[in-house]
């Protein structure tokens, strides 16, 4: 299986959440912007087709999670999407589940790395790759430390 098809398969299932997240963070956006953002997030390894994206956007609209608005740029029609109240509520729930899933994913990631190493499939990482991995971990740690402090402040300043 090629790297790009592996990445595509990893992202196919949560595509709905990814699209909703992109729309939510941008406020309002059109399909091309969503495609470019997916490409950026997947480091260029996955480029969903326009047909797949617009099928998913129509499904999200049918579910009441997004609403569309037409605008014209000259003669060209552009459809912009934004989240509905139902879409924001869906994202809130998905976000809470994602945090729990992230914790499990990290545990599985480390267990799988160890298993691969035991089975002889492990590989030594180049110094450059280790540096990139450390930057990624430092970023995750920084985000989690900030969140931990926010939650501790919330508990300390809670009237209960």
Protein backbone atom coordinates (compact mmCIF):
# COMPACT_ATOMS: atom_id res chain seq x y z
CA UNK A 1 0.00 0.00 0.00
CA UNK A 2 1.48 3.37 -0.97
CA UNK A 3 1.95 6.17 1.56
CA UNK A 4 -0.69 8.31 -0.12
CA UNK A 5 -3.34 5.56 -0.16
CA UNK A 6 -2.58 4.73 3.47
CA UNK A 7 -3.01 8.37 4.47
CA UNK A 8 -6.18 8.64 2.36
CA UNK A 9 -7.64 5.59 4.11
CA UNK A 10 -6.75 6.99 7.53
CA UNK A 11 -8.60 10.21 6.77
CA UNK A 12 -11.65 8.82 4.94
CA UNK A 13 -13.52 7.82 8.10
CA UNK A 14 -13.18 11.14 9.96
CA UNK A 15 -13.66 13.23 6.82
CA UNK A 16 -17.00 14.47 8.13
CA UNK A 17 -15.40 15.78 11.32
CA UNK A 18 -12.47 17.23 9.42
CA UNK A 19 -14.73 19.16 7.06
CA UNK A 20 -16.85 20.44 9.95
CA UNK A 21 -13.73 21.47 11.83
CA UNK A 22 -12.35 23.38 8.84
CA UNK A 23 -15.66 25.16 8.29
CA UNK A 24 -15.97 25.95 12.00
CA UNK A 25 -12.47 27.39 12.28
CA UNK A 26 -12.80 29.43 9.10
CA UNK A 27 -16.31 30.64 9.98
CA UNK A 28 -17.48 30.41 6.40
CA UNK A 29 -15.68 28.83 3.48
CA UNK A 30 -16.12 27.31 0.07
CA UNK A 31 -15.19 23.89 -1.28
CA UNK A 32 -11.86 24.83 -2.83
CA UNK A 33 -10.64 26.30 0.48
CA UNK A 34 -11.69 23.09 2.24
CA UNK A 35 -9.79 20.98 -0.32
CA UNK A 36 -6.65 23.10 0.12
CA UNK A 37 -6.87 22.89 3.92
CA UNK A 38 -7.24 19.08 3.82
CA UNK A 39 -4.20 18.96 1.55
CA UNK A 40 -2.25 21.12 4.01
CA UNK A 41 -3.31 19.08 7.05
CA UNK A 42 -2.27 15.81 5.38
CA UNK A 43 1.04 17.28 4.18
CA UNK A 44 -0.08 16.89 0.57
CA UNK A 45 -0.52 13.13 0.91
CA UNK A 46 -4.27 13.20 0.41
CA UNK A 47 -6.21 15.21 -2.12
CA UNK A 48 -9.89 14.30 -2.00
CA UNK A 49 -11.74 14.61 -5.26
CA UNK A 50 -14.15 17.48 -5.79
CA UNK A 51 -16.92 14.91 -6.25
CA UNK A 52 -16.25 13.27 -2.87
CA UNK A 53 -16.05 16.61 -1.10
CA UNK A 54 -19.27 18.02 -2.55
CA UNK A 55 -21.10 14.74 -1.90
CA UNK A 56 -20.03 15.02 1.74
CA UNK A 57 -20.98 18.72 1.93
CA UNK A 58 -24.43 17.94 0.54
CA UNK A 59 -24.82 15.15 3.08
CA UNK A 60 -23.78 17.50 5.90
CA UNK A 61 -26.34 20.02 4.67
CA UNK A 62 -29.04 17.30 4.56
CA UNK A 63 -28.14 16.40 8.16
CA UNK A 64 -28.56 20.04 9.16
CA UNK A 65 -24.93 20.44 10.22
CA UNK A 66 -23.99 23.06 7.61
CA UNK A 67 -25.86 25.58 5.55
CA UNK A 68 -24.85 26.93 2.21
CA UNK A 69 -25.04 30.37 0.66
CA UNK A 70 -24.52 31.21 -3.00
CA UNK A 71 -22.50 34.19 -4.07
CA UNK A 72 -21.34 35.32 -7.45
CA UNK A 73 -17.91 36.54 -8.45
CA UNK A 74 -18.63 37.95 -11.81
CA UNK A 75 -20.43 35.15 -13.64
CA UNK A 76 -18.85 32.47 -11.47
CA UNK A 77 -21.07 30.95 -8.78
CA UNK A 78 -19.41 30.13 -5.46
CA UNK A 79 -21.15 28.24 -2.68
CA UNK A 80 -19.98 29.11 0.82
CA UNK A 81 -20.66 26.89 3.82
CA UNK A 82 -20.99 27.62 7.50
CA UNK A 83 -21.94 25.58 10.53
CA UNK A 84 -25.45 25.58 11.89
CA UNK A 85 -26.20 25.46 15.60
CA UNK A 86 -26.56 21.69 15.23
CA UNK A 87 -23.13 21.62 13.56
CA UNK A 88 -21.51 23.49 16.44
CA UNK A 89 -23.10 21.13 18.97
CA UNK A 90 -21.89 18.15 16.93
CA UNK A 91 -18.34 19.57 16.88
CA UNK A 92 -18.41 20.17 20.62
CA UNK A 93 -19.20 16.50 21.24
CA UNK A 94 -16.68 15.36 18.63
CA UNK A 95 -13.99 17.57 20.22
CA UNK A 96 -14.48 15.99 23.64
CA UNK A 97 -14.31 12.52 22.12
CA UNK A 98 -11.21 13.50 20.13
CA UNK A 99 -9.32 14.44 23.29
CA UNK A 100 -10.08 11.05 24.82
CA UNK A 101 -9.16 9.36 21.54
CA UNK A 102 -5.87 11.26 21.37
CA UNK A 103 -4.82 9.79 24.69
CA UNK A 104 -5.62 6.27 23.49
CA UNK A 105 -3.98 6.88 20.12
CA UNK A 106 -0.72 7.89 21.81
CA UNK A 107 -0.81 4.75 23.94
CA UNK A 108 -1.46 2.57 20.88
CA UNK A 109 1.21 4.41 18.90
CA UNK A 110 3.85 3.64 21.52
CA UNK A 111 2.73 0.03 21.93
CA UNK A 112 2.78 -0.49 18.16
CA UNK A 113 6.27 1.03 17.85
CA UNK A 114 7.51 -1.36 20.52
CA UNK A 115 5.82 -4.37 18.86
CA UNK A 116 7.26 -3.44 15.45
CA UNK A 117 10.71 -3.13 17.01
CA UNK A 118 10.34 -6.54 18.71
CA UNK A 119 9.30 -8.14 15.40
CA UNK A 120 12.23 -6.63 13.53
CA UNK A 121 10.16 -4.05 11.65
CA UNK A 122 11.45 -1.13 13.66
CA UNK A 123 13.88 1.26 12.14
CA UNK A 124 16.40 3.71 13.38
CA UNK A 125 15.29 7.24 12.82
CA UNK A 126 17.68 9.66 11.21
CA UNK A 127 18.83 12.48 13.48
CA UNK A 128 16.76 14.93 11.40
CA UNK A 129 13.62 12.79 11.81
CA UNK A 130 14.19 12.55 15.57
CA UNK A 131 14.43 16.34 15.70
CA UNK A 132 11.10 16.68 13.84
CA UNK A 133 9.50 14.10 16.15
CA UNK A 134 10.75 16.03 19.20
CA UNK A 135 9.29 19.28 17.83
CA UNK A 136 5.96 17.52 17.35
CA UNK A 137 6.01 16.12 20.88
CA UNK A 138 7.05 19.50 22.34
CA UNK A 139 4.08 21.12 20.59
CA UNK A 140 1.69 18.52 21.97
CA UNK A 141 3.13 18.89 25.46
CA UNK A 142 2.83 22.68 25.31
CA UNK A 143 -0.84 22.48 24.28
CA UNK A 144 -1.60 19.96 27.01
CA UNK A 145 0.25 21.93 29.69
CA UNK A 146 -1.74 25.07 28.82
CA UNK A 147 -4.97 23.11 28.96
CA UNK A 148 -4.00 21.53 32.29
CA UNK A 149 -3.33 24.98 33.76
CA UNK A 150 -6.66 26.30 32.46
CA UNK A 151 -8.50 23.40 34.05
CA UNK A 152 -6.65 23.79 37.35
CA UNK A 153 -7.50 27.51 37.39
CA UNK A 154 -11.11 26.65 36.66
CA UNK A 155 -11.22 24.23 39.62
CA UNK A 156 -9.48 26.68 41.98
CA UNK A 157 -11.74 29.57 40.97
CA UNK A 158 -14.94 27.52 40.97
CA UNK A 159 -17.54 28.68 43.52
CA UNK A 160 -18.29 25.06 44.55
